[in-house]
Amino acid sequence: MEEQDTPPVRKSARITHHEIKAMKVVAAKEPPALIKFFNKFKTMLSDTVSSILGIFAPKHVSSCELNGHVFPKGAWEGEFPRCSHCGQELRSTDELGTR
């Protein structure tokens, strides 16, 4: 019988607590100053644009405008039914919501 040459089993070296802390410090380095400046500028520009657009945004949007009107339960008075939520006359079934 021939003996097979097997490499000896090597145990991996253990990492000490101080080495782990040193690795964390290296991984947690701050980004360069140019990147910080760019991120602050981008945030400031985004906030300014959203503030300006907020001035021109519609102030009040009702649930009827978003989802459609609600047909009244039972009978109604007058020629056309009125929405149960906002009271607007419903002249077409296209104005009704899917609720």
PDB file of N, CA and C in Angstrom:
ATOM      1  N   MET A   1       0.811  -1.173   0.000  1.00  0.00           N
ATOM      2  CA  MET A   1       0.000   0.000   0.000  1.00  0.00           C
ATOM      3  C   MET A   1       0.863   1.248   0.000  1.00  0.00           C
ATOM      4  N   GLU A   2       0.412   2.186  -0.786  1.00  0.00           N
ATOM      5  CA  GLU A   2       1.141   3.439  -0.849  1.00  0.00           C
ATOM      6  C   GLU A   2       0.517   4.454   0.106  1.00  0.00           C
ATOM      7  N   GLU A   3       1.353   5.235   0.714  1.00  0.00           N
ATOM      8  CA  GLU A   3       0.845   6.286   1.590  1.00  0.00           C
ATOM      9  C   GLU A   3       0.549   7.522   0.745  1.00  0.00           C
ATOM     10  N   GLN A   4      -0.616   8.091   0.973  1.00  0.00           N
ATOM     11  CA  GLN A   4      -0.968   9.296   0.239  1.00  0.00           C
ATOM     12  C   GLN A   4      -0.429  10.503   0.978  1.00  0.00           C
ATOM     13  N   ASP A   5       0.083  11.423   0.198  1.00  0.00           N
ATOM     14  CA  ASP A   5       0.589  12.655   0.804  1.00  0.00           C
ATOM     15  C   ASP A   5      -0.573  13.623   0.971  1.00  0.00           C
ATOM     16  N   THR A   6      -1.004  13.822   2.161  1.00  0.00           N
ATOM     17  CA  THR A   6      -2.071  14.779   2.443  1.00  0.00           C
ATOM     18  C   THR A   6      -1.456  15.970   3.146  1.00  0.00           C
ATOM     19  N   PRO A   7      -1.881  17.149   2.733  1.00  0.00           N
ATOM     20  CA  PRO A   7      -1.328  18.327   3.411  1.00  0.00           C
ATOM     21  C   PRO A   7      -1.819  18.355   4.854  1.00  0.00           C
ATOM     22  N   PRO A   8      -0.995  18.842   5.733  1.00  0.00           N
ATOM     23  CA  PRO A   8      -1.418  18.905   7.137  1.00  0.00           C
ATOM     24  C   PRO A   8      -2.566  19.905   7.302  1.00  0.00           C
ATOM     25  N   VAL A   9      -3.465  19.608   8.206  1.00  0.00           N
ATOM     26  CA  VAL A   9      -4.610  20.469   8.470  1.00  0.00           C
ATOM     27  C   VAL A   9      -4.115  21.710   9.208  1.00  0.00           C
ATOM     28  N   ARG A  10      -4.465  22.872   8.632  1.00  0.00           N
ATOM     29  CA  ARG A  10      -4.029  24.117   9.255  1.00  0.00           C
ATOM     30  C   ARG A  10      -5.215  24.769   9.947  1.00  0.00           C
ATOM     31  N   LYS A  11      -5.007  25.186  11.125  1.00  0.00           N
ATOM     32  CA  LYS A  11      -6.039  25.928  11.839  1.00  0.00           C
ATOM     33  C   LYS A  11      -5.905  27.399  11.463  1.00  0.00           C
ATOM     34  N   SER A  12      -7.036  28.019  11.214  1.00  0.00           N
ATOM     35  CA  SER A  12      -6.985  29.434  10.874  1.00  0.00           C
ATOM     36  C   SER A  12      -6.680  30.244  12.126  1.00  0.00           C
ATOM     37  N   ALA A  13      -5.999  31.330  11.908  1.00  0.00           N
ATOM     38  CA  ALA A  13      -5.624  32.188  13.031  1.00  0.00           C
ATOM     39  C   ALA A  13      -6.852  32.923  13.537  1.00  0.00           C
ATOM     40  N   ARG A  14      -6.997  33.025  14.806  1.00  0.00           N
ATOM     41  CA  ARG A  14      -8.122  33.735  15.409  1.00  0.00           C
ATOM     42  C   ARG A  14      -7.851  35.235  15.373  1.00  0.00           C
ATOM     43  N   ILE A  15      -8.897  35.983  15.207  1.00  0.00           N
ATOM     44  CA  ILE A  15      -8.780  37.437  15.186  1.00  0.00           C
ATOM     45  C   ILE A  15      -9.042  37.945  16.596  1.00  0.00           C
ATOM     46  N   THR A  16      -8.185  38.793  17.054  1.00  0.00           N
ATOM     47  CA  THR A  16      -8.347  39.322  18.407  1.00  0.00           C
ATOM     48  C   THR A  16      -9.360  40.458  18.421  1.00  0.00           C
ATOM     49  N   HIS A  17      -9.797  40.797  19.604  1.00  0.00           N
ATOM     50  CA  HIS A  17     -10.770  41.879  19.799  1.00  0.00           C
ATOM     51  C   HIS A  17     -10.218  43.205  19.263  1.00  0.00           C
ATOM     52  N   HIS A  18      -8.938  43.458  19.497  1.00  0.00           N
ATOM     53  CA  HIS A  18      -8.334  44.712  19.042  1.00  0.00           C
ATOM     54  C   HIS A  18      -8.258  44.771  17.525  1.00  0.00           C
ATOM     55  N   GLU A  19      -8.018  43.644  16.882  1.00  0.00           N
ATOM     56  CA  GLU A  19      -7.978  43.623  15.417  1.00  0.00           C
ATOM     57  C   GLU A  19      -9.370  43.885  14.827  1.00  0.00           C
ATOM     58  N   ILE A  20     -10.405  43.346  15.474  1.00  0.00           N
ATOM     59  CA  ILE A  20     -11.779  43.583  15.015  1.00  0.00           C
ATOM     60  C   ILE A  20     -12.122  45.060  15.136  1.00  0.00           C
ATOM     61  N   LYS A  21     -11.764  45.672  16.258  1.00  0.00           N
ATOM     62  CA  LYS A  21     -12.033  47.106  16.432  1.00  0.00           C
ATOM     63  C   LYS A  21     -11.291  47.935  15.382  1.00  0.00           C
ATOM     64  N   ALA A  22     -10.045  47.557  15.077  1.00  0.00           N
ATOM     65  CA  ALA A  22      -9.272  48.290  14.073  1.00  0.00           C
ATOM     66  C   ALA A  22      -9.926  48.159  12.700  1.00  0.00           C
ATOM     67  N   MET A  23     -10.466  46.989  12.380  1.00  0.00           N
ATOM     68  CA  MET A  23     -11.139  46.792  11.098  1.00  0.00           C
ATOM     69  C   MET A  23     -12.409  47.650  11.020  1.00  0.00           C
ATOM     70  N   LYS A  24     -13.151  47.756  12.137  1.00  0.00           N
ATOM     71  CA  LYS A  24     -14.360  48.575  12.149  1.00  0.00           C
ATOM     72  C   LYS A  24     -14.027  50.046  11.943  1.00  0.00           C
ATOM     73  N   VAL A  25     -12.945  50.515  12.539  1.00  0.00           N
ATOM     74  CA  VAL A  25     -12.547  51.909  12.401  1.00  0.00           C
ATOM     75  C   VAL A  25     -12.196  52.194  10.947  1.00  0.00           C
ATOM     76  N   VAL A  26     -11.518  51.285  10.291  1.00  0.00           N
ATOM     77  CA  VAL A  26     -11.153  51.476   8.887  1.00  0.00           C
ATOM     78  C   VAL A  26     -12.404  51.490   8.024  1.00  0.00           C
ATOM     79  N   ALA A  27     -13.384  50.628   8.323  1.00  0.00           N
ATOM     80  CA  ALA A  27     -14.603  50.547   7.525  1.00  0.00           C
ATOM     81  C   ALA A  27     -15.506  51.760   7.748  1.00  0.00           C
ATOM     82  N   ALA A  28     -15.405  52.422   8.877  1.00  0.00           N
ATOM     83  CA  ALA A  28     -16.304  53.530   9.215  1.00  0.00           C
ATOM     84  C   ALA A  28     -15.694  54.895   8.909  1.00  0.00           C
ATOM     85  N   LYS A  29     -14.764  54.956   7.982  1.00  0.00           N
ATOM     86  CA  LYS A  29     -14.174  56.249   7.639  1.00  0.00           C
ATOM     87  C   LYS A  29     -15.219  57.146   7.005  1.00  0.00           C
ATOM     88  N   GLU A  30     -15.083  58.427   7.228  1.00  0.00           N
ATOM     89  CA  GLU A  30     -16.017  59.397   6.661  1.00  0.00           C
ATOM     90  C   GLU A  30     -15.720  59.596   5.175  1.00  0.00           C
ATOM     91  N   PRO A  31     -16.758  59.959   4.415  1.00  0.00           N
ATOM     92  CA  PRO A  31     -16.523  60.218   2.987  1.00  0.00           C
ATOM     93  C   PRO A  31     -15.700  61.498   2.806  1.00  0.00           C
ATOM     94  N   PRO A  32     -15.086  61.656   1.656  1.00  0.00           N
ATOM     95  CA  PRO A  32     -14.292  62.877   1.401  1.00  0.00           C
ATOM     96  C   PRO A  32     -15.152  64.140   1.487  1.00  0.00           C
ATOM     97  N   ALA A  33     -14.488  65.259   1.656  1.00  0.00           N
ATOM     98  CA  ALA A  33     -15.182  66.542   1.828  1.00  0.00           C
ATOM     99  C   ALA A  33     -16.020  66.903   0.607  1.00  0.00           C
ATOM    100  N   LEU A  34     -15.563  66.550  -0.576  1.00  0.00           N
ATOM    101  CA  LEU A  34     -16.308  66.865  -1.797  1.00  0.00           C
ATOM    102  C   LEU A  34     -17.646  66.125  -1.822  1.00  0.00           C
ATOM    103  N   ILE A  35     -17.643  64.881  -1.378  1.00  0.00           N
ATOM    104  CA  ILE A  35     -18.879  64.095  -1.326  1.00  0.00           C
ATOM    105  C   ILE A  35     -19.829  64.692  -0.295  1.00  0.00           C
ATOM    106  N   LYS A  36     -19.314  65.094   0.858  1.00  0.00           N
ATOM    107  CA  LYS A  36     -20.154  65.731   1.886  1.00  0.00           C
ATOM    108  C   LYS A  36     -20.801  67.005   1.343  1.00  0.00           C
ATOM    109  N   PHE A  37     -19.992  67.822   0.673  1.00  0.00           N
ATOM    110  CA  PHE A  37     -20.496  69.074   0.111  1.00  0.00           C
ATOM    111  C   PHE A  37     -21.587  68.788  -0.916  1.00  0.00           C
ATOM    112  N   PHE A  38     -21.366  67.807  -1.791  1.00  0.00           N
ATOM    113  CA  PHE A  38     -22.348  67.458  -2.812  1.00  0.00           C
ATOM    114  C   PHE A  38     -23.646  66.987  -2.172  1.00  0.00           C
ATOM    115  N   ASN A  39     -23.561  66.156  -1.132  1.00  0.00           N
ATOM    116  CA  ASN A  39     -24.776  65.654  -0.463  1.00  0.00           C
ATOM    117  C   ASN A  39     -25.541  66.781   0.222  1.00  0.00           C
ATOM    118  N   LYS A  40     -24.839  67.716   0.850  1.00  0.00           N
ATOM    119  CA  LYS A  40     -25.515  68.850   1.488  1.00  0.00           C
ATOM    120  C   LYS A  40     -26.172  69.744   0.441  1.00  0.00           C
ATOM    121  N   PHE A  41     -25.480  69.980  -0.667  1.00  0.00           N
ATOM    122  CA  PHE A  41     -26.032  70.800  -1.741  1.00  0.00           C
ATOM    123  C   PHE A  41     -27.270  70.131  -2.337  1.00  0.00           C
ATOM    124  N   LYS A  42     -27.204  68.816  -2.533  1.00  0.00           N
ATOM    125  CA  LYS A  42     -28.330  68.072  -3.097  1.00  0.00           C
ATOM    126  C   LYS A  42     -29.537  68.130  -2.157  1.00  0.00           C
ATOM    127  N   THR A  43     -29.311  68.002  -0.864  1.00  0.00           N
ATOM    128  CA  THR A  43     -30.399  68.093   0.113  1.00  0.00           C
ATOM    129  C   THR A  43     -31.004  69.489   0.126  1.00  0.00           C
ATOM    130  N   MET A  44     -30.164  70.514   0.095  1.00  0.00           N
ATOM    131  CA  MET A  44     -30.646  71.889   0.115  1.00  0.00           C
ATOM    132  C   MET A  44     -31.460  72.188  -1.146  1.00  0.00           C
ATOM    133  N   LEU A  45     -30.984  71.735  -2.297  1.00  0.00           N
ATOM    134  CA  LEU A  45     -31.689  71.954  -3.555  1.00  0.00           C
ATOM    135  C   LEU A  45     -33.031  71.226  -3.555  1.00  0.00           C
ATOM    136  N   SER A  46     -33.043  70.008  -3.050  1.00  0.00           N
ATOM    137  CA  SER A  46     -34.282  69.238  -2.979  1.00  0.00           C
ATOM    138  C   SER A  46     -35.304  69.915  -2.063  1.00  0.00           C
ATOM    139  N   ASP A  47     -34.851  70.389  -0.913  1.00  0.00           N
ATOM    140  CA  ASP A  47     -35.756  71.076   0.016  1.00  0.00           C
ATOM    141  C   ASP A  47     -36.303  72.363  -0.599  1.00  0.00           C
ATOM    142  N   THR A  48     -35.466  73.109  -1.300  1.00  0.00           N
ATOM    143  CA  THR A  48     -35.900  74.354  -1.927  1.00  0.00           C
ATOM    144  C   THR A  48     -36.942  74.091  -3.008  1.00  0.00           C
ATOM    145  N   VAL A  49     -36.693  73.099  -3.853  1.00  0.00           N
ATOM    146  CA  VAL A  49     -37.634  72.772  -4.923  1.00  0.00           C
ATOM    147  C   VAL A  49     -38.961  72.300  -4.348  1.00  0.00           C
ATOM    148  N   SER A  50     -38.926  71.440  -3.321  1.00  0.00           N
ATOM    149  CA  SER A  50     -40.185  70.963  -2.743  1.00  0.00           C
ATOM    150  C   SER A  50     -40.947  72.097  -2.058  1.00  0.00           C
ATOM    151  N   SER A  51     -40.246  73.067  -1.478  1.00  0.00           N
ATOM    152  CA  SER A  51     -40.922  74.220  -0.866  1.00  0.00           C
ATOM    153  C   SER A  51     -41.596  75.080  -1.922  1.00  0.00           C
ATOM    154  N   ILE A  52     -40.910  75.315  -3.029  1.00  0.00           N
ATOM    155  CA  ILE A  52     -41.485  76.127  -4.102  1.00  0.00           C
ATOM    156  C   ILE A  52     -42.685  75.418  -4.723  1.00  0.00           C
ATOM    157  N   LEU A  53     -42.573  74.114  -4.960  1.00  0.00           N
ATOM    158  CA  LEU A  53     -43.692  73.371  -5.535  1.00  0.00           C
ATOM    159  C   LEU A  53     -44.867  73.273  -4.556  1.00  0.00           C
ATOM    160  N   GLY A  54     -44.593  73.313  -3.278  1.00  0.00           N
ATOM    161  CA  GLY A  54     -45.654  73.279  -2.281  1.00  0.00           C
ATOM    162  C   GLY A  54     -46.518  74.524  -2.311  1.00  0.00           C
ATOM    163  N   ILE A  55     -45.956  75.633  -2.757  1.00  0.00           N
ATOM    164  CA  ILE A  55     -46.724  76.877  -2.862  1.00  0.00           C
ATOM    165  C   ILE A  55     -47.798  76.751  -3.939  1.00  0.00           C
ATOM    166  N   PHE A  56     -47.460  76.093  -5.043  1.00  0.00           N
ATOM    167  CA  PHE A  56     -48.370  75.994  -6.171  1.00  0.00           C
ATOM    168  C   PHE A  56     -49.243  74.741  -6.140  1.00  0.00           C
ATOM    169  N   ALA A  57     -49.066  73.879  -5.161  1.00  0.00           N
ATOM    170  CA  ALA A  57     -49.849  72.646  -5.074  1.00  0.00           C
ATOM    171  C   ALA A  57     -51.284  72.973  -4.665  1.00  0.00           C
ATOM    172  N   PRO A  58     -52.243  72.163  -5.094  1.00  0.00           N
ATOM    173  CA  PRO A  58     -53.620  72.395  -4.667  1.00  0.00           C
ATOM    174  C   PRO A  58     -53.721  72.256  -3.148  1.00  0.00           C
ATOM    175  N   LYS A  59     -54.494  73.136  -2.567  1.00  0.00           N
ATOM    176  CA  LYS A  59     -54.566  73.179  -1.114  1.00  0.00           C
ATOM    177  C   LYS A  59     -55.460  72.098  -0.511  1.00  0.00           C
ATOM    178  N   HIS A  60     -56.588  71.809  -1.177  1.00  0.00           N
ATOM    179  CA  HIS A  60     -57.523  70.850  -0.596  1.00  0.00           C
ATOM    180  C   HIS A  60     -58.002  69.894  -1.682  1.00  0.00           C
ATOM    181  N   VAL A  61     -57.847  68.619  -1.426  1.00  0.00           N
ATOM    182  CA  VAL A  61     -58.343  67.600  -2.346  1.00  0.00           C
ATOM    183  C   VAL A  61     -59.245  66.685  -1.537  1.00  0.00           C
ATOM    184  N   SER A  62     -60.507  66.609  -1.955  1.00  0.00           N
ATOM    185  CA  SER A  62     -61.453  65.777  -1.206  1.00  0.00           C
ATOM    186  C   SER A  62     -61.352  64.332  -1.647  1.00  0.00           C
ATOM    187  N   SER A  63     -61.895  63.442  -0.850  1.00  0.00           N
ATOM    188  CA  SER A  63     -61.874  62.027  -1.205  1.00  0.00           C
ATOM    189  C   SER A  63     -62.714  61.776  -2.457  1.00  0.00           C
ATOM    190  N   CYS A  64     -63.738  62.598  -2.691  1.00  0.00           N
ATOM    191  CA  CYS A  64     -64.569  62.442  -3.889  1.00  0.00           C
ATOM    192  C   CYS A  64     -63.776  62.766  -5.153  1.00  0.00           C
ATOM    193  N   GLU A  65     -62.889  63.767  -5.076  1.00  0.00           N
ATOM    194  CA  GLU A  65     -62.078  64.107  -6.235  1.00  0.00           C
ATOM    195  C   GLU A  65     -61.076  63.011  -6.552  1.00  0.00           C
ATOM    196  N   LEU A  66     -60.610  62.317  -5.530  1.00  0.00           N
ATOM    197  CA  LEU A  66     -59.631  61.257  -5.748  1.00  0.00           C
ATOM    198  C   LEU A  66     -60.287  59.930  -6.138  1.00  0.00           C
ATOM    199  N   ASN A  67     -61.338  59.535  -5.415  1.00  0.00           N
ATOM    200  CA  ASN A  67     -61.910  58.197  -5.567  1.00  0.00           C
ATOM    201  C   ASN A  67     -63.247  58.155  -6.286  1.00  0.00           C
ATOM    202  N   GLY A  68     -63.855  59.286  -6.537  1.00  0.00           N
ATOM    203  CA  GLY A  68     -65.178  59.324  -7.148  1.00  0.00           C
ATOM    204  C   GLY A  68     -66.245  59.554  -6.086  1.00  0.00           C
ATOM    205  N   HIS A  69     -67.432  59.919  -6.538  1.00  0.00           N
ATOM    206  CA  HIS A  69     -68.521  60.246  -5.620  1.00  0.00           C
ATOM    207  C   HIS A  69     -69.224  58.978  -5.127  1.00  0.00           C
ATOM    208  N   VAL A  70     -69.979  59.124  -4.040  1.00  0.00           N
ATOM    209  CA  VAL A  70     -70.708  58.012  -3.439  1.00  0.00           C
ATOM    210  C   VAL A  70     -72.190  58.182  -3.731  1.00  0.00           C
ATOM    211  N   PHE A  71     -72.783  57.170  -4.331  1.00  0.00           N
ATOM    212  CA  PHE A  71     -74.206  57.209  -4.665  1.00  0.00           C
ATOM    213  C   PHE A  71     -75.023  57.142  -3.387  1.00  0.00           C
ATOM    214  N   PRO A  72     -76.088  57.953  -3.260  1.00  0.00           N
ATOM    215  CA  PRO A  72     -76.874  57.946  -2.023  1.00  0.00           C
ATOM    216  C   PRO A  72     -77.664  56.643  -1.886  1.00  0.00           C
ATOM    217  N   LYS A  73     -77.850  56.223  -0.640  1.00  0.00           N
ATOM    218  CA  LYS A  73     -78.639  55.014  -0.378  1.00  0.00           C
ATOM    219  C   LYS A  73     -80.118  55.377  -0.399  1.00  0.00           C
ATOM    220  N   GLY A  74     -80.910  54.488  -0.956  1.00  0.00           N
ATOM    221  CA  GLY A  74     -82.357  54.732  -0.988  1.00  0.00           C
ATOM    222  C   GLY A  74     -82.739  55.717  -2.080  1.00  0.00           C
ATOM    223  N   ALA A  75     -83.845  56.410  -1.885  1.00  0.00           N
ATOM    224  CA  ALA A  75     -84.371  57.364  -2.873  1.00  0.00           C
ATOM    225  C   ALA A  75     -83.721  58.729  -2.665  1.00  0.00           C
ATOM    226  N   TRP A  76     -83.816  59.579  -3.689  1.00  0.00           N
ATOM    227  CA  TRP A  76     -83.284  60.934  -3.584  1.00  0.00           C
ATOM    228  C   TRP A  76     -84.335  61.936  -3.996  1.00  0.00           C
ATOM    229  N   GLU A  77     -84.133  63.180  -3.614  1.00  0.00           N
ATOM    230  CA  GLU A  77     -85.059  64.255  -3.957  1.00  0.00           C
ATOM    231  C   GLU A  77     -84.481  65.056  -5.111  1.00  0.00           C
ATOM    232  N   GLY A  78     -85.337  65.575  -6.003  1.00  0.00           N
ATOM    233  CA  GLY A  78     -84.892  66.388  -7.125  1.00  0.00           C
ATOM    234  C   GLY A  78     -84.655  65.551  -8.369  1.00  0.00           C
ATOM    235  N   GLU A  79     -84.143  66.214  -9.407  1.00  0.00           N
ATOM    236  CA  GLU A  79     -83.932  65.542 -10.685  1.00  0.00           C
ATOM    237  C   GLU A  79     -82.757  64.566 -10.641  1.00  0.00           C
ATOM    238  N   PHE A  80     -81.658  64.984 -10.024  1.00  0.00           N
ATOM    239  CA  PHE A  80     -80.454  64.162  -9.986  1.00  0.00           C
ATOM    240  C   PHE A  80     -80.111  63.800  -8.543  1.00  0.00           C
ATOM    241  N   PRO A  81     -79.493  62.650  -8.347  1.00  0.00           N
ATOM    242  CA  PRO A  81     -79.044  62.303  -6.985  1.00  0.00           C
ATOM    243  C   PRO A  81     -77.840  63.146  -6.602  1.00  0.00           C
ATOM    244  N   ARG A  82     -77.600  63.273  -5.301  1.00  0.00           N
ATOM    245  CA  ARG A  82     -76.445  64.017  -4.795  1.00  0.00           C
ATOM    246  C   ARG A  82     -75.502  63.061  -4.079  1.00  0.00           C
ATOM    247  N   CYS A  83     -74.226  63.375  -4.154  1.00  0.00           N
ATOM    248  CA  CYS A  83     -73.192  62.560  -3.506  1.00  0.00           C
ATOM    249  C   CYS A  83     -73.432  62.562  -2.000  1.00  0.00           C
ATOM    250  N   SER A  84     -73.273  61.390  -1.378  1.00  0.00           N
ATOM    251  CA  SER A  84     -73.474  61.279   0.074  1.00  0.00           C
ATOM    252  C   SER A  84     -72.396  62.017   0.856  1.00  0.00           C
ATOM    253  N   HIS A  85     -71.206  62.166   0.276  1.00  0.00           N
ATOM    254  CA  HIS A  85     -70.103  62.802   1.004  1.00  0.00           C
ATOM    255  C   HIS A  85     -70.052  64.315   0.823  1.00  0.00           C
ATOM    256  N   CYS A  86     -70.105  64.772  -0.439  1.00  0.00           N
ATOM    257  CA  CYS A  86     -69.888  66.208  -0.668  1.00  0.00           C
ATOM    258  C   CYS A  86     -71.144  66.954  -1.116  1.00  0.00           C
ATOM    259  N   GLY A  87     -72.201  66.257  -1.500  1.00  0.00           N
ATOM    260  CA  GLY A  87     -73.453  66.895  -1.862  1.00  0.00           C
ATOM    261  C   GLY A  87     -73.532  67.386  -3.302  1.00  0.00           C
ATOM    262  N   GLN A  88     -72.554  67.088  -4.143  1.00  0.00           N
ATOM    263  CA  GLN A  88     -72.574  67.535  -5.538  1.00  0.00           C
ATOM    264  C   GLN A  88     -73.562  66.685  -6.343  1.00  0.00           C
ATOM    265  N   GLU A  89     -74.247  67.329  -7.309  1.00  0.00           N
ATOM    266  CA  GLU A  89     -75.179  66.593  -8.165  1.00  0.00           C
ATOM    267  C   GLU A  89     -74.432  65.601  -9.039  1.00  0.00           C
ATOM    268  N   LEU A  90     -74.980  64.383  -9.132  1.00  0.00           N
ATOM    269  CA  LEU A  90     -74.381  63.346  -9.976  1.00  0.00           C
ATOM    270  C   LEU A  90     -75.164  63.279 -11.275  1.00  0.00           C
ATOM    271  N   ARG A  91     -74.573  63.754 -12.354  1.00  0.00           N
ATOM    272  CA  ARG A  91     -75.263  63.792 -13.639  1.00  0.00           C
ATOM    273  C   ARG A  91     -74.888  62.620 -14.530  1.00  0.00           C
ATOM    274  N   SER A  92     -73.860  61.865 -14.170  1.00  0.00           N
ATOM    275  CA  SER A  92     -73.409  60.754 -14.992  1.00  0.00           C
ATOM    276  C   SER A  92     -72.881  59.645 -14.099  1.00  0.00           C
ATOM    277  N   THR A  93     -72.964  58.421 -14.575  1.00  0.00           N
ATOM    278  CA  THR A  93     -72.416  57.315 -13.781  1.00  0.00           C
ATOM    279  C   THR A  93     -70.885  57.320 -13.801  1.00  0.00           C
ATOM    280  N   ASP A  94     -70.285  58.094 -14.714  1.00  0.00           N
ATOM    281  CA  ASP A  94     -68.818  58.206 -14.761  1.00  0.00           C
ATOM    282  C   ASP A  94     -68.290  58.919 -13.531  1.00  0.00           C
ATOM    283  N   GLU A  95     -69.111  59.700 -12.852  1.00  0.00           N
ATOM    284  CA  GLU A  95     -68.690  60.453 -11.673  1.00  0.00           C
ATOM    285  C   GLU A  95     -68.646  59.575 -10.430  1.00  0.00           C
ATOM    286  N   LEU A  96     -69.219  58.392 -10.488  1.00  0.00           N
ATOM    287  CA  LEU A  96     -69.254  57.512  -9.329  1.00  0.00           C
ATOM    288  C   LEU A  96     -67.927  56.797  -9.146  1.00  0.00           C
ATOM    289  N   GLY A  97     -67.611  56.525  -7.897  1.00  0.00           N
ATOM    290  CA  GLY A  97     -66.395  55.770  -7.590  1.00  0.00           C
ATOM    291  C   GLY A  97     -66.685  54.281  -7.631  1.00  0.00           C
ATOM    292  N   THR A  98     -65.652  53.506  -7.400  1.00  0.00           N
ATOM    293  CA  THR A  98     -65.807  52.044  -7.445  1.00  0.00           C
ATOM    294  C   THR A  98     -66.125  51.460  -6.079  1.00  0.00           C
ATOM    295  N   ARG A  99     -66.365  52.301  -5.089  1.00  0.00           N
ATOM    296  CA  ARG A  99     -66.634  51.792  -3.739  1.00  0.00           C
ATOM    297  C   ARG A  99     -68.015  51.204  -3.652  1.00  0.00           C
TER     298      ARG A  99
END
